[in-house]
Amino acid sequence: MKSKKQKKLKLLKGEKFMYVLLVFLIISIPTVNVFSKALLSETNIKAEKLKSKIEKQENANESLEMQINELVSMENIQKIADAYGLSYISDNIVKVDE
């Protein structure tokens, strides 16, 4: 019997590079995808926290504005004027707005 010599398959340099690149892409694409989604999620959480802070500040501003309107009311001014024995002159009262 004759023994057959088997030829070893040699890969070219370019083929080796392509295989390495393919393996790298197969590993890196899902990793980058998960990382970017985690970053997006973190950014969304920060945005929601900022929205919550803005809403709380708007509520506080609204409350302060109501207090200002209450303090500027004619009844309150008249009470304070009477308590200190002052006379009421409507031209002297100024409400400061932005």
PDB file of N, CA and C in Angstrom:
ATOM      1  N   MET A   1       0.815  -1.177   0.000  1.00  0.00           N
ATOM      2  CA  MET A   1       0.000   0.000   0.000  1.00  0.00           C
ATOM      3  C   MET A   1       0.855   1.236   0.000  1.00  0.00           C
ATOM      4  N   LYS A   2       0.265   2.165  -0.634  1.00  0.00           N
ATOM      5  CA  LYS A   2       0.936   3.455  -0.682  1.00  0.00           C
ATOM      6  C   LYS A   2       0.392   4.342   0.432  1.00  0.00           C
ATOM      7  N   SER A   3       1.267   5.009   1.072  1.00  0.00           N
ATOM      8  CA  SER A   3       0.810   5.962   2.091  1.00  0.00           C
ATOM      9  C   SER A   3       0.631   7.320   1.433  1.00  0.00           C
ATOM     10  N   LYS A   4      -0.479   7.866   1.718  1.00  0.00           N
ATOM     11  CA  LYS A   4      -0.774   9.182   1.122  1.00  0.00           C
ATOM     12  C   LYS A   4      -0.225  10.260   2.029  1.00  0.00           C
ATOM     13  N   LYS A   5       0.416  11.168   1.416  1.00  0.00           N
ATOM     14  CA  LYS A   5       0.907  12.318   2.173  1.00  0.00           C
ATOM     15  C   LYS A   5      -0.202  13.368   2.211  1.00  0.00           C
ATOM     16  N   GLN A   6      -0.543  13.758   3.402  1.00  0.00           N
ATOM     17  CA  GLN A   6      -1.564  14.795   3.522  1.00  0.00           C
ATOM     18  C   GLN A   6      -0.887  16.148   3.516  1.00  0.00           C
ATOM     19  N   LYS A   7      -1.467  17.013   2.742  1.00  0.00           N
ATOM     20  CA  LYS A   7      -0.923  18.374   2.687  1.00  0.00           C
ATOM     21  C   LYS A   7      -1.536  19.193   3.815  1.00  0.00           C
ATOM     22  N   LYS A   8      -0.685  19.930   4.474  1.00  0.00           N
ATOM     23  CA  LYS A   8      -1.178  20.835   5.514  1.00  0.00           C
ATOM     24  C   LYS A   8      -1.659  22.100   4.828  1.00  0.00           C
ATOM     25  N   LEU A   9      -2.771  22.562   5.297  1.00  0.00           N
ATOM     26  CA  LEU A   9      -3.311  23.781   4.729  1.00  0.00           C
ATOM     27  C   LEU A   9      -2.613  24.961   5.387  1.00  0.00           C
ATOM     28  N   LYS A  10      -1.942  25.743   4.606  1.00  0.00           N
ATOM     29  CA  LYS A  10      -1.278  26.925   5.140  1.00  0.00           C
ATOM     30  C   LYS A  10      -2.144  28.134   4.888  1.00  0.00           C
ATOM     31  N   LEU A  11      -2.255  28.935   5.916  1.00  0.00           N
ATOM     32  CA  LEU A  11      -3.012  30.170   5.781  1.00  0.00           C
ATOM     33  C   LEU A  11      -2.072  31.292   5.406  1.00  0.00           C
ATOM     34  N   LEU A  12      -2.538  32.118   4.545  1.00  0.00           N
ATOM     35  CA  LEU A  12      -1.752  33.281   4.157  1.00  0.00           C
ATOM     36  C   LEU A  12      -1.827  34.333   5.255  1.00  0.00           C
ATOM     37  N   LYS A  13      -0.900  35.281   5.207  1.00  0.00           N
ATOM     38  CA  LYS A  13      -0.897  36.338   6.228  1.00  0.00           C
ATOM     39  C   LYS A  13      -2.207  37.116   6.208  1.00  0.00           C
ATOM     40  N   GLY A  14      -2.691  37.392   5.036  1.00  0.00           N
ATOM     41  CA  GLY A  14      -3.942  38.139   4.915  1.00  0.00           C
ATOM     42  C   GLY A  14      -5.114  37.373   5.491  1.00  0.00           C
ATOM     43  N   GLU A  15      -5.125  36.057   5.279  1.00  0.00           N
ATOM     44  CA  GLU A  15      -6.205  35.248   5.819  1.00  0.00           C
ATOM     45  C   GLU A  15      -6.157  35.200   7.342  1.00  0.00           C
ATOM     46  N   LYS A  16      -4.949  35.082   7.890  1.00  0.00           N
ATOM     47  CA  LYS A  16      -4.806  35.093   9.348  1.00  0.00           C
ATOM     48  C   LYS A  16      -5.336  36.399   9.920  1.00  0.00           C
ATOM     49  N   PHE A  17      -4.983  37.497   9.289  1.00  0.00           N
ATOM     50  CA  PHE A  17      -5.448  38.817   9.742  1.00  0.00           C
ATOM     51  C   PHE A  17      -6.971  38.899   9.686  1.00  0.00           C
ATOM     52  N   MET A  18      -7.542  38.379   8.588  1.00  0.00           N
ATOM     53  CA  MET A  18      -8.998  38.432   8.448  1.00  0.00           C
ATOM     54  C   MET A  18      -9.686  37.596   9.522  1.00  0.00           C
ATOM     55  N   TYR A  19      -9.153  36.438   9.846  1.00  0.00           N
ATOM     56  CA  TYR A  19      -9.749  35.600  10.888  1.00  0.00           C
ATOM     57  C   TYR A  19      -9.647  36.275  12.263  1.00  0.00           C
ATOM     58  N   VAL A  20      -8.518  36.856  12.545  1.00  0.00           N
ATOM     59  CA  VAL A  20      -8.339  37.553  13.819  1.00  0.00           C
ATOM     60  C   VAL A  20      -9.296  38.736  13.904  1.00  0.00           C
ATOM     61  N   LEU A  21      -9.417  39.466  12.799  1.00  0.00           N
ATOM     62  CA  LEU A  21     -10.331  40.614  12.763  1.00  0.00           C
ATOM     63  C   LEU A  21     -11.770  40.159  12.950  1.00  0.00           C
ATOM     64  N   LEU A  22     -12.140  39.054  12.329  1.00  0.00           N
ATOM     65  CA  LEU A  22     -13.502  38.530  12.459  1.00  0.00           C
ATOM     66  C   LEU A  22     -13.801  38.128  13.903  1.00  0.00           C
ATOM     67  N   VAL A  23     -12.875  37.449  14.544  1.00  0.00           N
ATOM     68  CA  VAL A  23     -13.059  37.054  15.946  1.00  0.00           C
ATOM     69  C   VAL A  23     -13.158  38.286  16.835  1.00  0.00           C
ATOM     70  N   PHE A  24     -12.309  39.263  16.575  1.00  0.00           N
ATOM     71  CA  PHE A  24     -12.349  40.510  17.347  1.00  0.00           C
ATOM     72  C   PHE A  24     -13.693  41.203  17.202  1.00  0.00           C
ATOM     73  N   LEU A  25     -14.217  41.272  15.991  1.00  0.00           N
ATOM     74  CA  LEU A  25     -15.509  41.927  15.766  1.00  0.00           C
ATOM     75  C   LEU A  25     -16.645  41.151  16.419  1.00  0.00           C
ATOM     76  N   ILE A  26     -16.582  39.833  16.341  1.00  0.00           N
ATOM     77  CA  ILE A  26     -17.631  39.012  16.957  1.00  0.00           C
ATOM     78  C   ILE A  26     -17.668  39.230  18.463  1.00  0.00           C
ATOM     79  N   ILE A  27     -16.530  39.456  19.069  1.00  0.00           N
ATOM     80  CA  ILE A  27     -16.478  39.686  20.519  1.00  0.00           C
ATOM     81  C   ILE A  27     -16.792  41.135  20.867  1.00  0.00           C
ATOM     82  N   SER A  28     -16.263  42.076  20.104  1.00  0.00           N
ATOM     83  CA  SER A  28     -16.361  43.483  20.485  1.00  0.00           C
ATOM     84  C   SER A  28     -17.721  44.117  20.192  1.00  0.00           C
ATOM     85  N   ILE A  29     -18.404  43.732  19.133  1.00  0.00           N
ATOM     86  CA  ILE A  29     -19.681  44.379  18.791  1.00  0.00           C
ATOM     87  C   ILE A  29     -20.723  44.186  19.896  1.00  0.00           C
ATOM     88  N   PRO A  30     -20.974  42.988  20.401  1.00  0.00           N
ATOM     89  CA  PRO A  30     -21.939  42.865  21.510  1.00  0.00           C
ATOM     90  C   PRO A  30     -21.488  43.595  22.774  1.00  0.00           C
ATOM     91  N   THR A  31     -20.189  43.589  23.029  1.00  0.00           N
ATOM     92  CA  THR A  31     -19.674  44.277  24.219  1.00  0.00           C
ATOM     93  C   THR A  31     -19.926  45.767  24.125  1.00  0.00           C
ATOM     94  N   VAL A  32     -19.633  46.345  22.984  1.00  0.00           N
ATOM     95  CA  VAL A  32     -19.852  47.779  22.788  1.00  0.00           C
ATOM     96  C   VAL A  32     -21.346  48.095  22.845  1.00  0.00           C
ATOM     97  N   ASN A  33     -22.172  47.217  22.321  1.00  0.00           N
ATOM     98  CA  ASN A  33     -23.614  47.423  22.341  1.00  0.00           C
ATOM     99  C   ASN A  33     -24.133  47.467  23.779  1.00  0.00           C
ATOM    100  N   VAL A  34     -23.709  46.525  24.610  1.00  0.00           N
ATOM    101  CA  VAL A  34     -24.135  46.503  26.019  1.00  0.00           C
ATOM    102  C   VAL A  34     -23.631  47.736  26.743  1.00  0.00           C
ATOM    103  N   PHE A  35     -22.384  48.117  26.502  1.00  0.00           N
ATOM    104  CA  PHE A  35     -21.805  49.287  27.154  1.00  0.00           C
ATOM    105  C   PHE A  35     -22.556  50.565  26.780  1.00  0.00           C
ATOM    106  N   SER A  36     -22.888  50.712  25.501  1.00  0.00           N
ATOM    107  CA  SER A  36     -23.589  51.924  25.073  1.00  0.00           C
ATOM    108  C   SER A  36     -25.009  51.973  25.639  1.00  0.00           C
ATOM    109  N   LYS A  37     -25.672  50.828  25.739  1.00  0.00           N
ATOM    110  CA  LYS A  37     -27.017  50.819  26.328  1.00  0.00           C
ATOM    111  C   LYS A  37     -26.963  51.148  27.821  1.00  0.00           C
ATOM    112  N   ALA A  38     -25.920  50.698  28.496  1.00  0.00           N
ATOM    113  CA  ALA A  38     -25.761  51.034  29.916  1.00  0.00           C
ATOM    114  C   ALA A  38     -25.541  52.532  30.083  1.00  0.00           C
ATOM    115  N   LEU A  39     -24.729  53.123  29.214  1.00  0.00           N
ATOM    116  CA  LEU A  39     -24.506  54.572  29.270  1.00  0.00           C
ATOM    117  C   LEU A  39     -25.800  55.339  29.012  1.00  0.00           C
ATOM    118  N   LEU A  40     -26.573  54.881  28.040  1.00  0.00           N
ATOM    119  CA  LEU A  40     -27.842  55.530  27.716  1.00  0.00           C
ATOM    120  C   LEU A  40     -28.801  55.445  28.900  1.00  0.00           C
ATOM    121  N   SER A  41     -28.847  54.299  29.539  1.00  0.00           N
ATOM    122  CA  SER A  41     -29.707  54.119  30.702  1.00  0.00           C
ATOM    123  C   SER A  41     -29.298  55.049  31.840  1.00  0.00           C
ATOM    124  N   GLU A  42     -28.003  55.146  32.076  1.00  0.00           N
ATOM    125  CA  GLU A  42     -27.503  56.036  33.128  1.00  0.00           C
ATOM    126  C   GLU A  42     -27.857  57.496  32.834  1.00  0.00           C
ATOM    127  N   THR A  43     -27.738  57.889  31.574  1.00  0.00           N
ATOM    128  CA  THR A  43     -28.084  59.254  31.180  1.00  0.00           C
ATOM    129  C   THR A  43     -29.573  59.524  31.369  1.00  0.00           C
ATOM    130  N   ASN A  44     -30.404  58.551  31.038  1.00  0.00           N
ATOM    131  CA  ASN A  44     -31.852  58.712  31.234  1.00  0.00           C
ATOM    132  C   ASN A  44     -32.204  58.849  32.709  1.00  0.00           C
ATOM    133  N   ILE A  45     -31.519  58.103  33.561  1.00  0.00           N
ATOM    134  CA  ILE A  45     -31.773  58.207  35.002  1.00  0.00           C
ATOM    135  C   ILE A  45     -31.407  59.596  35.507  1.00  0.00           C
ATOM    136  N   LYS A  46     -30.263  60.120  35.059  1.00  0.00           N
ATOM    137  CA  LYS A  46     -29.863  61.474  35.461  1.00  0.00           C
ATOM    138  C   LYS A  46     -30.863  62.514  34.970  1.00  0.00           C
ATOM    139  N   ALA A  47     -31.366  62.338  33.744  1.00  0.00           N
ATOM    140  CA  ALA A  47     -32.339  63.282  33.194  1.00  0.00           C
ATOM    141  C   ALA A  47     -33.629  63.263  34.019  1.00  0.00           C
ATOM    142  N   GLU A  48     -34.075  62.085  34.424  1.00  0.00           N
ATOM    143  CA  GLU A  48     -35.284  61.991  35.236  1.00  0.00           C
ATOM    144  C   GLU A  48     -35.090  62.631  36.609  1.00  0.00           C
ATOM    145  N   LYS A  49     -33.907  62.465  37.188  1.00  0.00           N
ATOM    146  CA  LYS A  49     -33.627  63.108  38.475  1.00  0.00           C
ATOM    147  C   LYS A  49     -33.658  64.627  38.329  1.00  0.00           C
ATOM    148  N   LEU A  50     -33.082  65.133  37.230  1.00  0.00           N
ATOM    149  CA  LEU A  50     -33.103  66.583  37.002  1.00  0.00           C
ATOM    150  C   LEU A  50     -34.529  67.086  36.797  1.00  0.00           C
ATOM    151  N   LYS A  51     -35.343  66.324  36.067  1.00  0.00           N
ATOM    152  CA  LYS A  51     -36.743  66.720  35.874  1.00  0.00           C
ATOM    153  C   LYS A  51     -37.468  66.788  37.203  1.00  0.00           C
ATOM    154  N   SER A  52     -37.176  65.828  38.075  1.00  0.00           N
ATOM    155  CA  SER A  52     -37.808  65.805  39.394  1.00  0.00           C
ATOM    156  C   SER A  52     -37.397  67.028  40.212  1.00  0.00           C
ATOM    157  N   LYS A  53     -36.110  67.375  40.163  1.00  0.00           N
ATOM    158  CA  LYS A  53     -35.634  68.562  40.887  1.00  0.00           C
ATOM    159  C   LYS A  53     -36.281  69.826  40.338  1.00  0.00           C
ATOM    160  N   ILE A  54     -36.397  69.914  39.027  1.00  0.00           N
ATOM    161  CA  ILE A  54     -37.013  71.091  38.404  1.00  0.00           C
ATOM    162  C   ILE A  54     -38.461  71.209  38.833  1.00  0.00           C
ATOM    163  N   GLU A  55     -39.170  70.079  38.856  1.00  0.00           N
ATOM    164  CA  GLU A  55     -40.575  70.093  39.263  1.00  0.00           C
ATOM    165  C   GLU A  55     -40.725  70.544  40.719  1.00  0.00           C
ATOM    166  N   LYS A  56     -39.847  70.055  41.600  1.00  0.00           N
ATOM    167  CA  LYS A  56     -39.895  70.468  43.006  1.00  0.00           C
ATOM    168  C   LYS A  56     -39.624  71.964  43.140  1.00  0.00           C
ATOM    169  N   GLN A  57     -38.655  72.472  42.379  1.00  0.00           N
ATOM    170  CA  GLN A  57     -38.327  73.893  42.448  1.00  0.00           C
ATOM    171  C   GLN A  57     -39.474  74.743  41.917  1.00  0.00           C
ATOM    172  N   GLU A  58     -40.136  74.278  40.847  1.00  0.00           N
ATOM    173  CA  GLU A  58     -41.281  75.013  40.315  1.00  0.00           C
ATOM    174  C   GLU A  58     -42.407  75.069  41.339  1.00  0.00           C
ATOM    175  N   ASN A  59     -42.629  73.966  42.050  1.00  0.00           N
ATOM    176  CA  ASN A  59     -43.653  73.950  43.098  1.00  0.00           C
ATOM    177  C   ASN A  59     -43.291  74.913  44.229  1.00  0.00           C
ATOM    178  N   ALA A  60     -42.009  74.937  44.602  1.00  0.00           N
ATOM    179  CA  ALA A  60     -41.574  75.859  45.653  1.00  0.00           C
ATOM    180  C   ALA A  60     -41.746  77.304  45.199  1.00  0.00           C
ATOM    181  N   ASN A  61     -41.412  77.589  43.949  1.00  0.00           N
ATOM    182  CA  ASN A  61     -41.578  78.944  43.420  1.00  0.00           C
ATOM    183  C   ASN A  61     -43.041  79.358  43.408  1.00  0.00           C
ATOM    184  N   GLU A  62     -43.908  78.427  43.029  1.00  0.00           N
ATOM    185  CA  GLU A  62     -45.338  78.724  43.004  1.00  0.00           C
ATOM    186  C   GLU A  62     -45.850  79.016  44.410  1.00  0.00           C
ATOM    187  N   SER A  63     -45.380  78.246  45.382  1.00  0.00           N
ATOM    188  CA  SER A  63     -45.783  78.459  46.768  1.00  0.00           C
ATOM    189  C   SER A  63     -45.319  79.830  47.256  1.00  0.00           C
ATOM    190  N   LEU A  64     -44.075  80.190  46.941  1.00  0.00           N
ATOM    191  CA  LEU A  64     -43.560  81.498  47.351  1.00  0.00           C
ATOM    192  C   LEU A  64     -44.321  82.640  46.670  1.00  0.00           C
ATOM    193  N   GLU A  65     -44.690  82.432  45.429  1.00  0.00           N
ATOM    194  CA  GLU A  65     -45.457  83.461  44.721  1.00  0.00           C
ATOM    195  C   GLU A  65     -46.826  83.660  45.367  1.00  0.00           C
ATOM    196  N   MET A  66     -47.436  82.555  45.822  1.00  0.00           N
ATOM    197  CA  MET A  66     -48.727  82.668  46.506  1.00  0.00           C
ATOM    198  C   MET A  66     -48.560  83.428  47.826  1.00  0.00           C
ATOM    199  N   GLN A  67     -47.466  83.159  48.540  1.00  0.00           N
ATOM    200  CA  GLN A  67     -47.210  83.882  49.792  1.00  0.00           C
ATOM    201  C   GLN A  67     -47.008  85.370  49.528  1.00  0.00           C
ATOM    202  N   ILE A  68     -46.303  85.696  48.459  1.00  0.00           N
ATOM    203  CA  ILE A  68     -46.084  87.108  48.110  1.00  0.00           C
ATOM    204  C   ILE A  68     -47.418  87.776  47.832  1.00  0.00           C
ATOM    205  N   ASN A  69     -48.265  87.114  47.047  1.00  0.00           N
ATOM    206  CA  ASN A  69     -49.575  87.698  46.731  1.00  0.00           C
ATOM    207  C   ASN A  69     -50.418  87.878  47.990  1.00  0.00           C
ATOM    208  N   GLU A  70     -50.283  86.943  48.923  1.00  0.00           N
ATOM    209  CA  GLU A  70     -51.029  87.057  50.176  1.00  0.00           C
ATOM    210  C   GLU A  70     -50.525  88.237  51.004  1.00  0.00           C
ATOM    211  N   LEU A  71     -49.202  88.405  51.052  1.00  0.00           N
ATOM    212  CA  LEU A  71     -48.632  89.503  51.836  1.00  0.00           C
ATOM    213  C   LEU A  71     -48.914  90.870  51.207  1.00  0.00           C
ATOM    214  N   VAL A  72     -49.088  90.925  49.919  1.00  0.00           N
ATOM    215  CA  VAL A  72     -49.324  92.191  49.220  1.00  0.00           C
ATOM    216  C   VAL A  72     -50.816  92.550  49.209  1.00  0.00           C
ATOM    217  N   SER A  73     -51.665  91.655  49.695  1.00  0.00           N
ATOM    218  CA  SER A  73     -53.108  91.905  49.642  1.00  0.00           C
ATOM    219  C   SER A  73     -53.464  93.164  50.450  1.00  0.00           C
ATOM    220  N   MET A  74     -54.531  93.790  50.027  1.00  0.00           N
ATOM    221  CA  MET A  74     -54.973  95.044  50.660  1.00  0.00           C
ATOM    222  C   MET A  74     -55.316  94.842  52.131  1.00  0.00           C
ATOM    223  N   GLU A  75     -55.922  93.714  52.459  1.00  0.00           N
ATOM    224  CA  GLU A  75     -56.304  93.457  53.842  1.00  0.00           C
ATOM    225  C   GLU A  75     -55.075  93.389  54.746  1.00  0.00           C
ATOM    226  N   ASN A  76     -54.055  92.729  54.287  1.00  0.00           N
ATOM    227  CA  ASN A  76     -52.826  92.598  55.072  1.00  0.00           C
ATOM    228  C   ASN A  76     -52.152  93.955  55.235  1.00  0.00           C
ATOM    229  N   ILE A  77     -52.112  94.736  54.178  1.00  0.00           N
ATOM    230  CA  ILE A  77     -51.485  96.068  54.248  1.00  0.00           C
ATOM    231  C   ILE A  77     -52.254  96.956  55.226  1.00  0.00           C
ATOM    232  N   GLN A  78     -53.563  96.879  55.160  1.00  0.00           N
ATOM    233  CA  GLN A  78     -54.396  97.704  56.045  1.00  0.00           C
ATOM    234  C   GLN A  78     -54.189  97.303  57.507  1.00  0.00           C
ATOM    235  N   LYS A  79     -54.071  95.989  57.783  1.00  0.00           N
ATOM    236  CA  LYS A  79     -53.828  95.511  59.141  1.00  0.00           C
ATOM    237  C   LYS A  79     -52.510  96.036  59.684  1.00  0.00           C
ATOM    238  N   ILE A  80     -51.468  95.932  58.868  1.00  0.00           N
ATOM    239  CA  ILE A  80     -50.142  96.377  59.297  1.00  0.00           C
ATOM    240  C   ILE A  80     -50.138  97.887  59.512  1.00  0.00           C
ATOM    241  N   ALA A  81     -50.789  98.617  58.623  1.00  0.00           N
ATOM    242  CA  ALA A  81     -50.840 100.076  58.758  1.00  0.00           C
ATOM    243  C   ALA A  81     -51.576 100.465  60.038  1.00  0.00           C
ATOM    244  N   ASP A  82     -52.677  99.790  60.327  1.00  0.00           N
ATOM    245  CA  ASP A  82     -53.429 100.084  61.551  1.00  0.00           C
ATOM    246  C   ASP A  82     -52.623  99.730  62.795  1.00  0.00           C
ATOM    247  N   ALA A  83     -51.870  98.613  62.741  1.00  0.00           N
ATOM    248  CA  ALA A  83     -51.094  98.169  63.902  1.00  0.00           C
ATOM    249  C   ALA A  83     -50.008  99.182  64.263  1.00  0.00           C
ATOM    250  N   TYR A  84     -49.436  99.825  63.281  1.00  0.00           N
ATOM    251  CA  TYR A  84     -48.376 100.792  63.535  1.00  0.00           C
ATOM    252  C   TYR A  84     -48.879 102.238  63.522  1.00  0.00           C
ATOM    253  N   GLY A  85     -50.174 102.413  63.401  1.00  0.00           N
ATOM    254  CA  GLY A  85     -50.754 103.757  63.426  1.00  0.00           C
ATOM    255  C   GLY A  85     -50.401 104.572  62.188  1.00  0.00           C
ATOM    256  N   LEU A  86     -50.288 103.914  61.091  1.00  0.00           N
ATOM    257  CA  LEU A  86     -49.927 104.604  59.845  1.00  0.00           C
ATOM    258  C   LEU A  86     -51.168 104.828  59.005  1.00  0.00           C
ATOM    259  N   SER A  87     -51.077 105.796  58.105  1.00  0.00           N
ATOM    260  CA  SER A  87     -52.189 106.029  57.188  1.00  0.00           C
ATOM    261  C   SER A  87     -51.870 105.347  55.857  1.00  0.00           C
ATOM    262  N   TYR A  88     -52.918 104.959  55.157  1.00  0.00           N
ATOM    263  CA  TYR A  88     -52.776 104.240  53.903  1.00  0.00           C
ATOM    264  C   TYR A  88     -52.809 105.216  52.732  1.00  0.00           C
ATOM    265  N   ILE A  89     -51.720 105.242  51.958  1.00  0.00           N
ATOM    266  CA  ILE A  89     -51.675 106.027  50.723  1.00  0.00           C
ATOM    267  C   ILE A  89     -51.335 105.041  49.609  1.00  0.00           C
ATOM    268  N   SER A  90     -52.275 104.815  48.718  1.00  0.00           N
ATOM    269  CA  SER A  90     -52.104 103.769  47.714  1.00  0.00           C
ATOM    270  C   SER A  90     -50.979 104.059  46.725  1.00  0.00           C
ATOM    271  N   ASP A  91     -50.598 105.320  46.554  1.00  0.00           N
ATOM    272  CA  ASP A  91     -49.535 105.651  45.603  1.00  0.00           C
ATOM    273  C   ASP A  91     -48.153 105.212  46.114  1.00  0.00           C
ATOM    274  N   ASN A  92     -48.035 105.022  47.428  1.00  0.00           N
ATOM    275  CA  ASN A  92     -46.732 104.671  48.004  1.00  0.00           C
ATOM    276  C   ASN A  92     -46.445 103.163  47.988  1.00  0.00           C
ATOM    277  N   ILE A  93     -47.449 102.355  47.680  1.00  0.00           N
ATOM    278  CA  ILE A  93     -47.286 100.897  47.713  1.00  0.00           C
ATOM    279  C   ILE A  93     -46.811 100.441  46.342  1.00  0.00           C
ATOM    280  N   VAL A  94     -45.691  99.716  46.361  1.00  0.00           N
ATOM    281  CA  VAL A  94     -45.117  99.222  45.110  1.00  0.00           C
ATOM    282  C   VAL A  94     -44.870  97.727  45.241  1.00  0.00           C
ATOM    283  N   LYS A  95     -45.362  96.965  44.288  1.00  0.00           N
ATOM    284  CA  LYS A  95     -45.093  95.534  44.247  1.00  0.00           C
ATOM    285  C   LYS A  95     -43.971  95.313  43.240  1.00  0.00           C
ATOM    286  N   VAL A  96     -42.940  94.644  43.686  1.00  0.00           N
ATOM    287  CA  VAL A  96     -41.768  94.432  42.833  1.00  0.00           C
ATOM    288  C   VAL A  96     -41.934  93.115  42.099  1.00  0.00           C
ATOM    289  N   ASP A  97     -41.960  93.164  40.764  1.00  0.00           N
ATOM    290  CA  ASP A  97     -42.025  91.979  39.923  1.00  0.00           C
ATOM    291  C   ASP A  97     -40.804  91.941  39.025  1.00  0.00           C
ATOM    292  N   GLU A  98     -40.545  90.784  38.506  1.00  0.00           N
ATOM    293  CA  GLU A  98     -39.410  90.655  37.584  1.00  0.00           C
ATOM    294  C   GLU A  98     -39.795  91.144  36.207  1.00  0.00           C
TER     295      GLU A  98
END
